[in-house]
PDB file of all heavy atoms in Angstrom:
ATOM      1  N   SER A   1     144.041 -78.743-241.571  1.00  0.00           N
ATOM      2  CA  SER A   1     143.203 -77.942-242.412  1.00  0.00           C
ATOM      3  C   SER A   1     142.461 -78.817-243.392  1.00  0.00           C
ATOM      4  O   SER A   1     142.784 -79.976-243.625  1.00  0.00           O
ATOM      5  CB  SER A   1     144.158 -77.048-243.189  1.00  0.00           C
ATOM      6  OG  SER A   1     145.208 -77.789-243.673  1.00  0.00           O
ATOM      7  N   PHE A   2     141.334 -78.400-243.962  1.00  0.00           N
ATOM      8  CA  PHE A   2     140.614 -79.110-244.939  1.00  0.00           C
ATOM      9  C   PHE A   2     140.744 -78.346-246.307  1.00  0.00           C
ATOM     10  O   PHE A   2     140.811 -77.159-246.388  1.00  0.00           O
ATOM     11  CB  PHE A   2     139.233 -79.334-244.578  1.00  0.00           C
ATOM     12  CG  PHE A   2     138.323 -78.140-244.393  1.00  0.00           C
ATOM     13  CD1 PHE A   2     137.742 -77.497-245.448  1.00  0.00           C
ATOM     14  CD2 PHE A   2     138.183 -77.522-243.098  1.00  0.00           C
ATOM     15  CE1 PHE A   2     136.855 -76.410-245.334  1.00  0.00           C
ATOM     16  CE2 PHE A   2     137.411 -76.386-242.945  1.00  0.00           C
ATOM     17  CZ  PHE A   2     136.742 -75.853-244.001  1.00  0.00           C
ATOM     18  N   PRO A   3     140.687 -79.200-247.448  1.00  0.00           N
ATOM     19  CA  PRO A   3     140.684 -80.678-247.434  1.00  0.00           C
ATOM     20  C   PRO A   3     142.001 -81.213-247.002  1.00  0.00           C
ATOM     21  O   PRO A   3     143.116 -80.867-247.402  1.00  0.00           O
ATOM     22  CB  PRO A   3     140.448 -80.941-248.855  1.00  0.00           C
ATOM     23  CG  PRO A   3     140.919 -79.750-249.641  1.00  0.00           C
ATOM     24  CD  PRO A   3     140.736 -78.628-248.734  1.00  0.00           C
ATOM     25  N   ALA A   4     141.860 -82.196-246.027  1.00  0.00           N
ATOM     26  CA  ALA A   4     143.104 -82.889-245.423  1.00  0.00           C
ATOM     27  C   ALA A   4     143.656 -83.971-246.386  1.00  0.00           C
ATOM     28  O   ALA A   4     142.882 -84.763-246.776  1.00  0.00           O
ATOM     29  CB  ALA A   4     142.704 -83.457-244.122  1.00  0.00           C
ATOM     30  N   PRO A   5     144.923 -83.967-246.641  1.00  0.00           N
ATOM     31  CA  PRO A   5     145.518 -85.025-247.542  1.00  0.00           C
ATOM     32  C   PRO A   5     145.221 -86.485-247.095  1.00  0.00           C
ATOM     33  O   PRO A   5     144.909 -87.180-248.025  1.00  0.00           O
ATOM     34  CB  PRO A   5     146.931 -84.698-247.527  1.00  0.00           C
ATOM     35  CG  PRO A   5     147.064 -83.284-247.179  1.00  0.00           C
ATOM     36  CD  PRO A   5     145.896 -83.061-246.241  1.00  0.00           C
ATOM     37  N   ASN A   6     145.257 -86.791-245.778  1.00  0.00           N
ATOM     38  CA  ASN A   6     144.922 -88.132-245.452  1.00  0.00           C
ATOM     39  C   ASN A   6     143.478 -88.547-245.508  1.00  0.00           C
ATOM     40  O   ASN A   6     143.227 -89.762-245.727  1.00  0.00           O
ATOM     41  CB  ASN A   6     145.489 -88.502-244.119  1.00  0.00           C
ATOM     42  CG  ASN A   6     145.053 -87.520-242.941  1.00  0.00           C
ATOM     43  OD1 ASN A   6     144.350 -86.597-243.173  1.00  0.00           O
ATOM     44  ND2 ASN A   6     145.306 -87.965-241.745  1.00  0.00           N
ATOM     45  N   VAL A   7     142.646 -87.630-245.435  1.00  0.00           N
ATOM     46  CA  VAL A   7     141.216 -87.850-245.615  1.00  0.00           C
ATOM     47  C   VAL A   7     140.816 -87.991-247.121  1.00  0.00           C
ATOM     48  O   VAL A   7     140.099 -88.899-247.562  1.00  0.00           O
ATOM     49  CB  VAL A   7     140.347 -86.745-244.971  1.00  0.00           C
ATOM     50  CG1 VAL A   7     138.869 -87.103-245.083  1.00  0.00           C
ATOM     51  CG2 VAL A   7     140.614 -86.665-243.439  1.00  0.00           C
ATOM     52  N   ILE A   8     141.512 -87.149-247.920  1.00  0.00           N
ATOM     53  CA  ILE A   8     141.337 -87.357-249.389  1.00  0.00           C
ATOM     54  C   ILE A   8     141.859 -88.710-249.735  1.00  0.00           C
ATOM     55  O   ILE A   8     141.199 -89.356-250.561  1.00  0.00           O
ATOM     56  CB  ILE A   8     142.217 -86.252-250.154  1.00  0.00           C
ATOM     57  CG1 ILE A   8     141.606 -84.809-249.925  1.00  0.00           C
ATOM     58  CG2 ILE A   8     142.259 -86.542-251.670  1.00  0.00           C
ATOM     59  CD1 ILE A   8     142.430 -83.790-250.454  1.00  0.00           C
ATOM     60  N   GLU A   9     143.002 -89.124-249.312  1.00  0.00           N
ATOM     61  CA  GLU A   9     143.594 -90.402-249.573  1.00  0.00           C
ATOM     62  C   GLU A   9     142.578 -91.590-249.077  1.00  0.00           C
ATOM     63  O   GLU A   9     142.288 -92.489-249.986  1.00  0.00           O
ATOM     64  CB  GLU A   9     144.852 -90.667-248.919  1.00  0.00           C
ATOM     65  CG  GLU A   9     145.499 -91.975-249.285  1.00  0.00           C
ATOM     66  CD  GLU A   9     146.757 -92.242-248.499  1.00  0.00           C
ATOM     67  OE1 GLU A   9     146.840 -91.729-247.343  1.00  0.00           O
ATOM     68  OE2 GLU A   9     147.698 -92.990-249.010  1.00  0.00           O
ATOM     69  N   ALA A  10     141.984 -91.438-248.009  1.00  0.00           N
ATOM     70  CA  ALA A  10     141.007 -92.534-247.508  1.00  0.00           C
ATOM     71  C   ALA A  10     139.761 -92.436-248.315  1.00  0.00           C
ATOM     72  O   ALA A  10     139.358 -93.654-248.734  1.00  0.00           O
ATOM     73  CB  ALA A  10     140.715 -92.250-246.017  1.00  0.00           C
ATOM     74  N   SER A  11     139.244 -91.402-248.704  1.00  0.00           N
ATOM     75  CA  SER A  11     138.033 -91.284-249.496  1.00  0.00           C
ATOM     76  C   SER A  11     138.273 -91.754-250.920  1.00  0.00           C
ATOM     77  O   SER A  11     137.237 -92.070-251.619  1.00  0.00           O
ATOM     78  CB  SER A  11     137.351 -89.854-249.347  1.00  0.00           C
ATOM     79  OG  SER A  11     138.199 -89.003-250.065  1.00  0.00           O
ATOM     80  N   ALA A  12     139.376 -91.783-251.354  1.00  0.00           N
ATOM     81  CA  ALA A  12     139.677 -92.091-252.710  1.00  0.00           C
ATOM     82  C   ALA A  12     139.776 -93.596-252.876  1.00  0.00           C
ATOM     83  O   ALA A  12     139.401 -94.220-253.995  1.00  0.00           O
ATOM     84  CB  ALA A  12     141.010 -91.534-253.246  1.00  0.00           C
ATOM     85  N   SER A  13     139.961 -94.268-251.772  1.00  0.00           N
ATOM     86  CA  SER A  13     140.168 -95.801-251.847  1.00  0.00           C
ATOM     87  C   SER A  13     138.965 -96.491-251.300  1.00  0.00           C
ATOM     88  O   SER A  13     138.823 -97.724-251.620  1.00  0.00           O
ATOM     89  CB  SER A  13     141.404 -96.253-251.214  1.00  0.00           C
ATOM     90  OG  SER A  13     141.399 -95.850-249.839  1.00  0.00           O
ATOM     91  N   THR A  14     138.146 -95.887-250.492  1.00  0.00           N
ATOM     92  CA  THR A  14     136.993 -96.591-249.913  1.00  0.00           C
ATOM     93  C   THR A  14     135.980 -95.546-249.582  1.00  0.00           C
ATOM     94  O   THR A  14     136.285 -94.380-249.241  1.00  0.00           O
ATOM     95  CB  THR A  14     137.375 -97.336-248.658  1.00  0.00           C
ATOM     96  OG1 THR A  14     136.285 -98.198-248.213  1.00  0.00           O
ATOM     97  CG2 THR A  14     137.854 -96.475-247.506  1.00  0.00           C
ATOM     98  N   PRO A  15     134.619 -95.793-249.669  1.00  0.00           N
ATOM     99  CA  PRO A  15     133.659 -94.839-249.293  1.00  0.00           C
ATOM    100  C   PRO A  15     133.737 -94.456-247.840  1.00  0.00           C
ATOM    101  O   PRO A  15     133.925 -95.278-246.924  1.00  0.00           O
ATOM    102  CB  PRO A  15     132.317 -95.623-249.579  1.00  0.00           C
ATOM    103  CG  PRO A  15     132.622 -96.634-250.604  1.00  0.00           C
ATOM    104  CD  PRO A  15     134.056 -97.054-250.181  1.00  0.00           C
ATOM    105  N   VAL A  16     133.619 -93.078-247.526  1.00  0.00           N
ATOM    106  CA  VAL A  16     133.751 -92.704-246.072  1.00  0.00           C
ATOM    107  C   VAL A  16     132.556 -91.781-245.788  1.00  0.00           C
ATOM    108  O   VAL A  16     131.905 -91.289-246.693  1.00  0.00           O
ATOM    109  CB  VAL A  16     135.108 -91.994-245.910  1.00  0.00           C
ATOM    110  CG1 VAL A  16     136.192 -92.920-246.071  1.00  0.00           C
ATOM    111  CG2 VAL A  16     135.258 -90.722-246.599  1.00  0.00           C
ATOM    112  N   SER A  17     132.326 -91.589-244.489  1.00  0.00           N
ATOM    113  CA  SER A  17     131.431 -90.589-244.045  1.00  0.00           C
ATOM    114  C   SER A  17     132.088 -89.764-243.007  1.00  0.00           C
ATOM    115  O   SER A  17     133.209 -90.189-242.423  1.00  0.00           O
ATOM    116  CB  SER A  17     130.218 -91.233-243.459  1.00  0.00           C
ATOM    117  OG  SER A  17     130.404 -91.966-242.270  1.00  0.00           O
ATOM    118  N   LEU A  18     131.666 -88.536-242.667  1.00  0.00           N
ATOM    119  CA  LEU A  18     132.169 -87.810-241.555  1.00  0.00           C
ATOM    120  C   LEU A  18     131.114 -87.569-240.590  1.00  0.00           C
ATOM    121  O   LEU A  18     129.942 -87.335-240.752  1.00  0.00           O
ATOM    122  CB  LEU A  18     132.623 -86.401-242.111  1.00  0.00           C
ATOM    123  CG  LEU A  18     133.850 -86.296-243.011  1.00  0.00           C
ATOM    124  CD1 LEU A  18     134.031 -84.813-243.466  1.00  0.00           C
ATOM    125  CD2 LEU A  18     135.072 -86.788-242.260  1.00  0.00           C
ATOM    126  N   ILE A  19     131.548 -87.701-239.254  1.00  0.00           N
ATOM    127  CA  ILE A  19     130.657 -87.487-238.102  1.00  0.00           C
ATOM    128  C   ILE A  19     130.414 -85.981-238.133  1.00  0.00           C
ATOM    129  O   ILE A  19     131.266 -85.073-238.177  1.00  0.00           O
ATOM    130  CB  ILE A  19     131.307 -87.954-236.845  1.00  0.00           C
ATOM    131  CG1 ILE A  19     131.557 -89.414-236.862  1.00  0.00           C
ATOM    132  CG2 ILE A  19     130.499 -87.548-235.631  1.00  0.00           C
ATOM    133  CD1 ILE A  19     130.366 -90.366-236.784  1.00  0.00           C
ATOM    134  N   THR A  20     129.133 -85.628-237.922  1.00  0.00           N
ATOM    135  CA  THR A  20     128.800 -84.272-237.716  1.00  0.00           C
ATOM    136  C   THR A  20     128.139 -83.967-236.305  1.00  0.00           C
ATOM    137  O   THR A  20     127.508 -84.937-235.773  1.00  0.00           O
ATOM    138  CB  THR A  20     127.723 -83.879-238.784  1.00  0.00           C
ATOM    139  OG1 THR A  20     127.614 -82.470-238.774  1.00  0.00           O
ATOM    140  CG2 THR A  20     126.360 -84.459-238.560  1.00  0.00           C
ATOM    141  N   LEU A  21     128.579 -82.933-235.660  1.00  0.00           N
ATOM    142  CA  LEU A  21     128.178 -82.692-234.338  1.00  0.00           C
ATOM    143  C   LEU A  21     126.995 -81.708-234.295  1.00  0.00           C
ATOM    144  O   LEU A  21     126.728 -80.939-235.203  1.00  0.00           O
ATOM    145  CB  LEU A  21     129.347 -81.960-233.638  1.00  0.00           C
ATOM    146  CG  LEU A  21     130.501 -82.774-233.004  1.00  0.00           C
ATOM    147  CD1 LEU A  21     131.176 -83.521-234.107  1.00  0.00           C
ATOM    148  CD2 LEU A  21     131.460 -81.949-232.142  1.00  0.00           C
ATOM    149  N   THR A  22     126.183 -81.815-233.234  1.00  0.00           N
ATOM    150  CA  THR A  22     125.141 -80.861-233.041  1.00  0.00           C
ATOM    151  C   THR A  22     125.729 -79.553-232.492  1.00  0.00           C
ATOM    152  O   THR A  22     126.847 -79.590-231.913  1.00  0.00           O
ATOM    153  CB  THR A  22     124.058 -81.472-232.103  1.00  0.00           C
ATOM    154  OG1 THR A  22     124.748 -81.471-230.761  1.00  0.00           O
ATOM    155  CG2 THR A  22     123.582 -82.667-232.422  1.00  0.00           C
ATOM    156  N   ASP A  23     125.016 -78.444-232.568  1.00  0.00           N
ATOM    157  CA  ASP A  23     125.448 -77.139-232.068  1.00  0.00           C
ATOM    158  C   ASP A  23     125.670 -77.264-230.545  1.00  0.00           C
ATOM    159  O   ASP A  23     126.639 -76.611-229.958  1.00  0.00           O
ATOM    160  CB  ASP A  23     124.537 -76.006-232.386  1.00  0.00           C
ATOM    161  CG  ASP A  23     124.646 -75.630-233.903  1.00  0.00           C
ATOM    162  OD1 ASP A  23     125.598 -76.043-234.518  1.00  0.00           O
ATOM    163  OD2 ASP A  23     123.672 -74.969-234.347  1.00  0.00           O
ATOM    164  N   GLU A  24     124.917 -78.025-229.860  1.00  0.00           N
ATOM    165  CA  GLU A  24     124.957 -78.270-228.421  1.00  0.00           C
ATOM    166  C   GLU A  24     126.300 -78.996-228.079  1.00  0.00           C
ATOM    167  O   GLU A  24     127.002 -78.663-227.101  1.00  0.00           O
ATOM    168  CB  GLU A  24     123.835 -79.076-227.839  1.00  0.00           C
ATOM    169  CG  GLU A  24     122.470 -78.363-227.893  1.00  0.00           C
ATOM    170  CD  GLU A  24     121.806 -78.307-229.286  1.00  0.00           C
ATOM    171  OE1 GLU A  24     122.241 -79.069-230.141  1.00  0.00           O
ATOM    172  OE2 GLU A  24     120.949 -77.474-229.492  1.00  0.00           O
ATOM    173  N   GLN A  25     126.585 -80.069-228.882  1.00  0.00           N
ATOM    174  CA  GLN A  25     127.887 -80.759-228.700  1.00  0.00           C
ATOM    175  C   GLN A  25     129.028 -79.840-228.925  1.00  0.00           C
ATOM    176  O   GLN A  25     130.042 -79.928-228.175  1.00  0.00           O
ATOM    177  CB  GLN A  25     127.921 -82.023-229.644  1.00  0.00           C
ATOM    178  CG  GLN A  25     126.985 -83.170-229.138  1.00  0.00           C
ATOM    179  CD  GLN A  25     126.754 -84.256-230.207  1.00  0.00           C
ATOM    180  OE1 GLN A  25     127.039 -83.981-231.427  1.00  0.00           O
ATOM    181  NE2 GLN A  25     126.473 -85.425-229.785  1.00  0.00           N
ATOM    182  N   VAL A  26     128.985 -78.989-229.971  1.00  0.00           N
ATOM    183  CA  VAL A  26     130.029 -78.067-230.307  1.00  0.00           C
ATOM    184  C   VAL A  26     130.339 -77.218-229.063  1.00  0.00           C
ATOM    185  O   VAL A  26     131.514 -76.844-228.629  1.00  0.00           O
ATOM    186  CB  VAL A  26     129.854 -77.290-231.543  1.00  0.00           C
ATOM    187  CG1 VAL A  26     130.957 -76.119-231.668  1.00  0.00           C
ATOM    188  CG2 VAL A  26     129.849 -78.132-232.727  1.00  0.00           C
ATOM    189  N   ALA A  27     129.232 -76.665-228.560  1.00  0.00           N
ATOM    190  CA  ALA A  27     129.289 -75.807-227.385  1.00  0.00           C
ATOM    191  C   ALA A  27     129.981 -76.394-226.171  1.00  0.00           C
ATOM    192  O   ALA A  27     130.772 -75.783-225.455  1.00  0.00           O
ATOM    193  CB  ALA A  27     127.868 -75.218-226.967  1.00  0.00           C
ATOM    194  N   GLU A  28     129.595 -77.669-226.007  1.00  0.00           N
ATOM    195  CA  GLU A  28     130.088 -78.510-224.829  1.00  0.00           C
ATOM    196  C   GLU A  28     131.656 -78.613-224.951  1.00  0.00           C
ATOM    197  O   GLU A  28     132.325 -78.725-223.912  1.00  0.00           O
ATOM    198  CB  GLU A  28     129.480 -79.772-224.780  1.00  0.00           C
ATOM    199  CG  GLU A  28     129.193 -80.278-223.285  1.00  0.00           C
ATOM    200  CD  GLU A  28     128.364 -81.598-223.346  1.00  0.00           C
ATOM    201  OE1 GLU A  28     127.456 -81.683-224.083  1.00  0.00           O
ATOM    202  OE2 GLU A  28     128.636 -82.415-222.459  1.00  0.00           O
TER     203      GLU A  28
END
C-alpha cells in the first residue's frame, strides 16, 4: 500500500524517482 514505509525511508535518505507505466503497458 502507499505510502510504503520502505519507499518513504529510501526517499528520505537519497533522491528517488518512480517508474511510470503507459496505459498500454498497464493493459499488457
